[in-house]
Structure formats: C-alpha cells, structure tokens
C-alpha cells in the first residue's frame, strides 16, 4: 500500500509519503497531483482532513479515481499532534501526522458519491454569498444615507441591488428545498429537524447538508466538524489561555446555528436552560450563545439520527 498524507489549504496541498514532503497547487483538477499519483499505482490510500470548500477538489479527485481514503474528523489531528509531541522532541507537520495515521490504520475506503448532498451544498454556498453581499450593501447604504452629499441615484442603485440579492437568496433556498423534497428519505429528515423549536428553514437545510456529509459522525465528532469543540493553548504542562472553540470547521454552519439561538433560547427548553445557566454565572453573551448553539446542534443531530420528532425533556433546569 502506498500512503500519502495531504494537508489541505486554500492554495496548496502539502503532502508526505514517508520519504519526503511535496507541495502541489490546490486547483480544480489537481493535474500535478494526478500525474504524481499515476506513477504510484492503484493501491494508494490518501489521508486528509476535510476543510470546507478547500478540500472539495481533493474529495472529487479521490472519488473519480476510486482511491481509498481516510477522511479524518477535525478532532483527530489535534489528538495526533498531542500524542506525537509527547513521544518526540521534534515537531511533525500535519501531513506527516496524516501519513502516520494511514500507516497505522491501513487502506481506507473509497468515497461514496452523494450528488444530492453536493447539489444542496452548492445552493447553500450561493445563498451564503448572496446574503453576505446583501448585508454589505445594506451597511453601505445605511452609512451613505447619513451623508447629505450622497447622490440620490447612488442610494437608489444600492436599494435595487439589495432587492436583487434578496431575490437571489430566496431563489437559492427554494432550489435547495426542492432538491431535498425530491428524495423522500431526505425530505423526512428535513421535516424532523423542523419539529425542533428554534430550527427554521435555513437552519434545517444547512443541518441536512452537514449530516449527509458526515453520516457516521458521533456527537463529539459532529461538534468538531463545525468547529465548536473546545481547544486549549498549551506549552508543555502550562495552559497559556482559557479554552476556546477551535473554529476549525465550517464557519457558515457555525454562523447559522449561532443566529438560530435567537429563537431557540426563547422557545427550546434545553437550549434555554444552558443559556440561562451560563448567563447567571456571569458569562459573556457570546459565550452563552455559542454554548446554546452547540446544544442546538446536538439536539438536531440526535433527532436526525433517531428518525423521531423532537420531544421536550421532562425536566429542564433554568
């Protein structure tokens, strides 16, 4: 078995195969990586950590060539790094740690094709882009409206652009929902998520895409995928800062869940309980809201996997 660890970033792929480190451009077709791996034969295992959109090209590449893969949860790499630092005085790169994981666990499995999940993520990415652009336009229009020297046609043009972006947002959501409703099983999962107080249309669509991409993830892993797992900054046995969320995962999913807590802390007993407890302890609003978002994610994950509608807990403190 030929094993290669791949550390994915926006512009490049840093690899290690037990002999040396190599760097390849992270392009849509990955021609340089393809040429290199062609010489290694079919018995190749690729080990990498998904990094939102930046790893999509690599995933598609592995899937089209039926390469065996280990697609590691974001919680795995920090653990490997901690273990490695405990055993050696020499820091190892992420690509080396990924390669070592493949060596220890043997050949991975070919990635399964998920056309529906991919299409859903594309619509949601377009929705997120339109939303971000619309908010930027609204902020600019608000700022310029306070300047008496701003030409009226500029404000009118920004208003039209805001309306256009709103329509694009709604169109992307409608197409994403139609995509889900084409599959009965996926549609049922979507409907189950909507039974959770605090989960609306956008949140449910985002969660379906997330759960389809990581169908085998457990509670701790799904939290890490979204970047809501706590991380400590250590040097030897010393802790330099308080634990914070890692933010290693999908920022759009994290933002969506955070925004959903506005309703969830009012109407969802489980989410409201943890939010109030933290506020009573004097925690900042952002910390309490992020904990509430994490709780909402875990509730949604449990509902989606169980196939049963949401039921409020019998006893909730706070």
Protein backbone atom coordinates (compact mmCIF):
# COMPACT_ATOMS: atom_id res chain seq x y z
CA UNK A 1 0.00 0.00 0.00
CA UNK A 2 1.25 3.45 -0.92
CA UNK A 3 0.04 6.01 1.64
CA UNK A 4 0.13 9.78 1.33
CA UNK A 5 -0.92 12.36 3.92
CA UNK A 6 -2.36 15.57 2.49
CA UNK A 7 -2.59 18.82 4.44
CA UNK A 8 -5.17 20.95 2.60
CA UNK A 9 -5.09 24.74 2.44
CA UNK A 10 -6.68 27.30 0.15
CA UNK A 11 -3.90 27.45 -2.43
CA UNK A 12 -1.85 24.31 -1.97
CA UNK A 13 -1.70 20.70 -0.85
CA UNK A 14 1.27 19.78 1.33
CA UNK A 15 1.89 16.04 1.16
CA UNK A 16 4.09 13.46 2.86
CA UNK A 17 4.55 9.81 1.85
CA UNK A 18 7.10 8.55 4.36
CA UNK A 19 10.05 9.73 2.29
CA UNK A 20 9.70 13.44 1.64
CA UNK A 21 7.35 16.39 1.66
CA UNK A 22 5.95 17.73 -1.59
CA UNK A 23 3.67 20.65 -2.44
CA UNK A 24 1.03 20.70 -5.18
CA UNK A 25 -1.28 23.54 -6.30
CA UNK A 26 -4.83 23.17 -4.97
CA UNK A 27 -6.57 23.66 -8.31
CA UNK A 28 -9.93 22.36 -9.51
CA UNK A 29 -8.46 19.42 -11.49
CA UNK A 30 -5.30 18.75 -9.41
CA UNK A 31 -3.32 17.85 -12.54
CA UNK A 32 0.08 17.92 -10.80
CA UNK A 33 -1.10 15.62 -8.00
CA UNK A 34 -2.77 13.31 -10.54
CA UNK A 35 0.45 13.00 -12.54
CA UNK A 36 2.41 12.19 -9.39
CA UNK A 37 -0.02 9.54 -8.13
CA UNK A 38 -0.33 7.83 -11.53
CA UNK A 39 3.20 6.51 -11.01
CA UNK A 40 2.22 5.01 -7.65
CA UNK A 41 -0.40 2.57 -8.92
CA UNK A 42 -3.95 1.85 -7.83
CA UNK A 43 -3.15 0.70 -4.28
CA UNK A 44 -2.98 4.25 -2.96
CA UNK A 45 -4.52 5.50 0.27
CA UNK A 46 -5.00 9.25 0.69
CA UNK A 47 -5.36 10.63 4.22
CA UNK A 48 -6.69 14.16 4.71
CA UNK A 49 -8.85 16.35 6.89
CA UNK A 50 -11.87 17.98 5.20
CA UNK A 51 -11.59 21.78 5.28
CA UNK A 52 -14.91 23.09 3.99
CA UNK A 53 -14.66 24.19 0.32
CA UNK A 54 -10.86 23.89 0.10
CA UNK A 55 -10.91 20.08 0.22
CA UNK A 56 -13.73 19.63 -2.31
CA UNK A 57 -11.34 19.30 -5.27
CA UNK A 58 -9.35 16.61 -3.46
CA UNK A 59 -12.51 14.72 -2.49
CA UNK A 60 -13.76 14.82 -6.09
CA UNK A 61 -10.33 13.74 -7.32
CA UNK A 62 -10.24 10.71 -5.00
CA UNK A 63 -13.82 9.78 -5.78
CA UNK A 64 -13.38 9.91 -9.56
CA UNK A 65 -10.26 7.72 -9.38
CA UNK A 66 -11.77 5.36 -6.79
CA UNK A 67 -8.81 5.94 -4.47
CA UNK A 68 -9.03 4.61 -0.94
CA UNK A 69 -9.21 7.40 1.62
CA UNK A 70 -9.19 8.24 5.27
CA UNK A 71 -11.22 11.44 5.64
CA UNK A 72 -10.45 12.40 9.22
CA UNK A 73 -12.68 14.27 11.60
CA UNK A 74 -11.17 17.60 12.79
CA UNK A 75 -10.84 16.18 16.31
CA UNK A 76 -8.36 13.52 15.18
CA UNK A 77 -5.48 15.72 14.04
CA UNK A 78 -5.10 17.72 17.30
CA UNK A 79 -5.06 14.41 19.18
CA UNK A 80 -2.38 13.00 16.85
CA UNK A 81 -0.35 16.18 17.31
CA UNK A 82 -0.57 15.95 21.10
CA UNK A 83 0.46 12.29 21.10
CA UNK A 84 3.34 12.97 18.72
CA UNK A 85 4.66 15.83 20.86
CA UNK A 86 4.59 13.54 23.86
CA UNK A 87 6.73 10.95 22.09
CA UNK A 88 9.20 13.12 20.25
CA UNK A 89 11.04 16.39 20.77
CA UNK A 90 10.76 17.13 17.05
CA UNK A 91 7.56 18.75 15.78
CA UNK A 92 5.92 16.85 12.94
CA UNK A 93 3.94 18.52 10.18
CA UNK A 94 0.25 17.82 9.75
CA UNK A 95 0.97 15.96 6.52
CA UNK A 96 3.35 13.65 8.39
CA UNK A 97 0.77 13.02 11.11
CA UNK A 98 -1.86 12.22 8.49
CA UNK A 99 0.53 9.82 6.76
CA UNK A 100 1.25 8.11 10.08
CA UNK A 101 -2.48 7.65 10.66
CA UNK A 102 -2.77 5.89 7.31
CA UNK A 103 0.21 3.68 8.11
CA UNK A 104 -1.32 2.71 11.45
CA UNK A 105 -4.85 2.06 10.16
CA UNK A 106 -4.19 0.51 6.76
CA UNK A 107 -6.10 1.02 3.49
CA UNK A 108 -9.07 3.36 3.72
CA UNK A 109 -12.38 3.16 1.85
CA UNK A 110 -13.41 4.71 -1.49
CA UNK A 111 -15.50 7.86 -1.07
CA UNK A 112 -19.15 7.38 -1.96
CA UNK A 113 -20.78 9.74 -4.42
CA UNK A 114 -23.52 11.97 -2.98
CA UNK A 115 -24.98 14.04 -5.81
CA UNK A 116 -27.85 15.33 -3.72
CA UNK A 117 -25.61 16.41 -0.87
CA UNK A 118 -23.20 18.13 -3.23
CA UNK A 119 -26.01 19.97 -5.05
CA UNK A 120 -27.51 21.05 -1.75
CA UNK A 121 -24.17 22.44 -0.57
CA UNK A 122 -23.77 24.37 -3.84
CA UNK A 123 -27.17 26.07 -3.43
CA UNK A 124 -26.40 26.92 0.20
CA UNK A 125 -22.98 28.33 -0.74
CA UNK A 126 -24.66 30.58 -3.31
CA UNK A 127 -27.23 31.59 -0.70
CA UNK A 128 -24.46 32.46 1.78
CA UNK A 129 -22.62 34.53 -0.82
CA UNK A 130 -25.77 36.48 -1.75
CA UNK A 131 -26.59 37.05 1.93
CA UNK A 132 -23.10 38.36 2.65
CA UNK A 133 -23.23 40.71 -0.34
CA UNK A 134 -26.72 41.94 0.63
CA UNK A 135 -25.65 42.73 4.20
CA UNK A 136 -22.61 44.62 2.90
CA UNK A 137 -24.85 46.66 0.57
CA UNK A 138 -27.28 47.41 3.39
CA UNK A 139 -24.48 48.60 5.65
CA UNK A 140 -23.05 50.79 2.89
CA UNK A 141 -26.46 52.26 2.08
CA UNK A 142 -27.09 52.97 5.76
CA UNK A 143 -23.75 54.74 6.11
CA UNK A 144 -24.19 56.80 2.93
CA UNK A 145 -27.76 57.76 3.82
CA UNK A 146 -26.40 59.86 6.70
CA UNK A 147 -24.25 61.89 4.34
CA UNK A 148 -26.32 64.73 2.81
CA UNK A 149 -23.91 64.94 -0.13
CA UNK A 150 -24.60 61.37 -1.29
CA UNK A 151 -26.36 61.46 -4.68
CA UNK A 152 -29.90 60.09 -4.57
CA UNK A 153 -29.22 57.82 -7.54
CA UNK A 154 -26.46 56.07 -5.57
CA UNK A 155 -28.86 55.23 -2.75
CA UNK A 156 -31.50 54.14 -5.24
CA UNK A 157 -29.00 51.90 -7.02
CA UNK A 158 -27.97 50.27 -3.76
CA UNK A 159 -31.63 49.74 -2.92
CA UNK A 160 -32.19 47.94 -6.21
CA UNK A 161 -29.08 45.82 -5.64
CA UNK A 162 -30.33 44.87 -2.17
CA UNK A 163 -33.68 43.81 -3.63
CA UNK A 164 -31.91 41.77 -6.32
CA UNK A 165 -29.78 39.98 -3.74
CA UNK A 166 -32.83 39.24 -1.58
CA UNK A 167 -34.48 37.58 -4.55
CA UNK A 168 -31.32 35.56 -5.21
CA UNK A 169 -31.24 34.40 -1.58
CA UNK A 170 -34.84 33.24 -1.77
CA UNK A 171 -34.26 31.52 -5.12
CA UNK A 172 -31.27 29.58 -3.78
CA UNK A 173 -33.22 28.47 -0.70
CA UNK A 174 -36.19 27.41 -2.83
CA UNK A 175 -33.93 25.35 -5.10
CA UNK A 176 -32.22 23.77 -2.08
CA UNK A 177 -35.59 22.85 -0.60
CA UNK A 178 -36.81 21.44 -3.91
CA UNK A 179 -33.63 19.37 -4.09
CA UNK A 180 -34.39 17.86 -0.69
CA UNK A 181 -38.05 17.19 -1.44
CA UNK A 182 -37.09 15.12 -4.48
CA UNK A 183 -35.78 12.42 -2.11
CA UNK A 184 -38.38 11.02 0.28
CA UNK A 185 -35.89 9.90 2.92
CA UNK A 186 -34.01 13.20 2.92
CA UNK A 187 -37.29 15.10 2.97
CA UNK A 188 -38.33 13.17 6.08
CA UNK A 189 -35.08 14.10 7.82
CA UNK A 190 -35.65 17.75 6.90
CA UNK A 191 -39.18 17.63 8.29
CA UNK A 192 -37.93 16.08 11.53
CA UNK A 193 -35.45 18.92 12.04
CA UNK A 194 -38.25 21.46 11.62
CA UNK A 195 -40.01 19.95 14.67
CA UNK A 196 -37.20 21.35 16.88
CA UNK A 197 -38.06 24.74 18.43
CA UNK A 198 -35.58 27.27 17.12
CA UNK A 199 -34.81 25.41 13.89
CA UNK A 200 -36.27 27.16 10.86
CA UNK A 201 -36.00 26.64 7.15
CA UNK A 202 -32.42 27.85 6.64
CA UNK A 203 -31.05 26.06 9.70
CA UNK A 204 -32.76 22.80 8.73
CA UNK A 205 -31.35 22.96 5.19
CA UNK A 206 -27.84 23.64 6.49
CA UNK A 207 -28.08 20.79 9.01
CA UNK A 208 -29.29 18.29 6.41
CA UNK A 209 -26.27 19.13 4.24
CA UNK A 210 -23.97 18.76 7.26
CA UNK A 211 -25.40 15.43 8.44
CA UNK A 212 -25.31 13.96 4.94
CA UNK A 213 -21.66 14.87 4.55
CA UNK A 214 -20.72 13.25 7.87
CA UNK A 215 -23.24 10.40 8.26
CA UNK A 216 -21.08 8.34 10.64
CA UNK A 217 -20.07 11.19 12.95
CA UNK A 218 -20.88 10.79 16.63
CA UNK A 219 -21.80 13.65 18.99
CA UNK A 220 -18.26 14.74 19.70
CA UNK A 221 -17.22 14.48 16.06
CA UNK A 222 -20.14 16.49 14.69
CA UNK A 223 -19.33 19.28 17.17
CA UNK A 224 -15.70 19.26 15.97
CA UNK A 225 -16.73 19.32 12.31
CA UNK A 226 -18.49 22.63 12.97
CA UNK A 227 -15.55 23.98 14.97
CA UNK A 228 -17.44 24.19 18.28
CA UNK A 229 -15.12 21.85 20.16
CA UNK A 230 -13.01 23.46 22.91
CA UNK A 231 -9.28 23.79 22.44
CA UNK A 232 -6.56 24.75 24.91
CA UNK A 233 -3.30 26.52 24.16
CA UNK A 234 -0.54 24.57 25.91
CA UNK A 235 3.22 24.61 26.13
CA UNK A 236 4.39 21.53 27.98
CA UNK A 237 2.18 21.31 31.04
CA UNK A 238 1.29 25.01 31.07
CA UNK A 239 -2.01 26.40 29.81
CA UNK A 240 -1.47 29.89 28.39
CA UNK A 241 -5.07 30.90 27.68
CA UNK A 242 -8.58 29.85 28.55
CA UNK A 243 -10.15 27.15 26.41
CA UNK A 244 -11.95 28.47 23.35
CA UNK A 245 -13.83 26.88 20.49
CA UNK A 246 -11.46 25.66 17.80
CA UNK A 247 -13.26 27.33 14.83
CA UNK A 248 -11.61 24.69 12.62
CA UNK A 249 -14.84 23.63 10.98
CA UNK A 250 -17.42 25.13 8.63
CA UNK A 251 -17.90 28.79 9.57
CA UNK A 252 -21.21 29.13 7.68
CA UNK A 253 -22.76 26.25 9.65
CA UNK A 254 -21.47 27.74 12.89
CA UNK A 255 -22.87 31.18 11.99
CA UNK A 256 -26.24 29.70 11.07
CA UNK A 257 -26.53 27.84 14.37
CA UNK A 258 -25.43 30.92 16.30
CA UNK A 259 -28.13 33.01 14.66
CA UNK A 260 -30.72 30.29 15.31
CA UNK A 261 -30.19 30.66 19.07
CA UNK A 262 -32.06 33.98 18.97
CA UNK A 263 -35.26 31.94 18.70
CA UNK A 264 -34.02 28.76 20.38
CA UNK A 265 -33.23 30.41 23.73
CA UNK A 266 -36.84 31.60 23.85
CA UNK A 267 -38.71 28.52 22.68
CA UNK A 268 -36.44 25.48 23.16
CA UNK A 269 -36.29 24.33 26.82
CA UNK A 270 -32.97 22.51 26.53
CA UNK A 271 -31.23 25.39 24.77
CA UNK A 272 -32.81 27.96 27.07
CA UNK A 273 -31.61 26.05 30.14
CA UNK A 274 -27.92 26.05 29.24
CA UNK A 275 -28.09 29.67 28.04
CA UNK A 276 -29.62 30.91 31.30
CA UNK A 277 -27.24 28.93 33.48
CA UNK A 278 -24.22 30.49 31.79
CA UNK A 279 -25.68 33.99 31.93
CA UNK A 280 -26.42 33.57 35.65
CA UNK A 281 -22.75 32.65 36.14
CA UNK A 282 -21.76 35.93 34.55
CA UNK A 283 -20.57 34.54 31.22
CA UNK A 284 -20.48 36.95 28.25
CA UNK A 285 -23.39 36.90 25.83
CA UNK A 286 -21.28 35.46 23.02
CA UNK A 287 -20.06 32.56 25.20
CA UNK A 288 -23.59 31.73 26.34
CA UNK A 289 -24.95 31.95 22.79
CA UNK A 290 -22.21 29.71 21.40
CA UNK A 291 -22.91 27.10 24.09
CA UNK A 292 -26.60 27.34 23.20
CA UNK A 293 -25.72 26.84 19.51
CA UNK A 294 -23.69 23.74 20.42
CA UNK A 295 -26.65 22.37 22.39
CA UNK A 296 -28.98 23.03 19.46
CA UNK A 297 -26.60 21.17 17.14
CA UNK A 298 -26.53 18.14 19.45
CA UNK A 299 -30.31 18.11 19.74
CA UNK A 300 -30.65 18.27 15.95
CA UNK A 301 -28.08 15.52 15.48
CA UNK A 302 -29.95 13.24 17.90
CA UNK A 303 -33.30 13.91 16.22
CA UNK A 304 -31.92 13.35 12.72
CA UNK A 305 -30.21 10.06 13.63
CA UNK A 306 -33.14 8.71 15.67
CA UNK A 307 -35.73 9.34 12.97
CA UNK A 308 -38.12 10.60 15.65
CA UNK A 309 -39.62 14.08 16.05
CA UNK A 310 -38.34 16.39 18.76
CA UNK A 311 -39.73 15.89 22.25
CA UNK A 312 -39.11 18.42 25.01
CA UNK A 313 -37.22 16.98 28.01
CA UNK A 314 -39.40 16.20 31.02
CA UNK A 315 -37.29 18.25 33.42
CA UNK A 316 -35.09 21.15 32.41
CA UNK A 317 -33.27 23.32 34.86
CA UNK A 318 -33.01 27.12 34.39
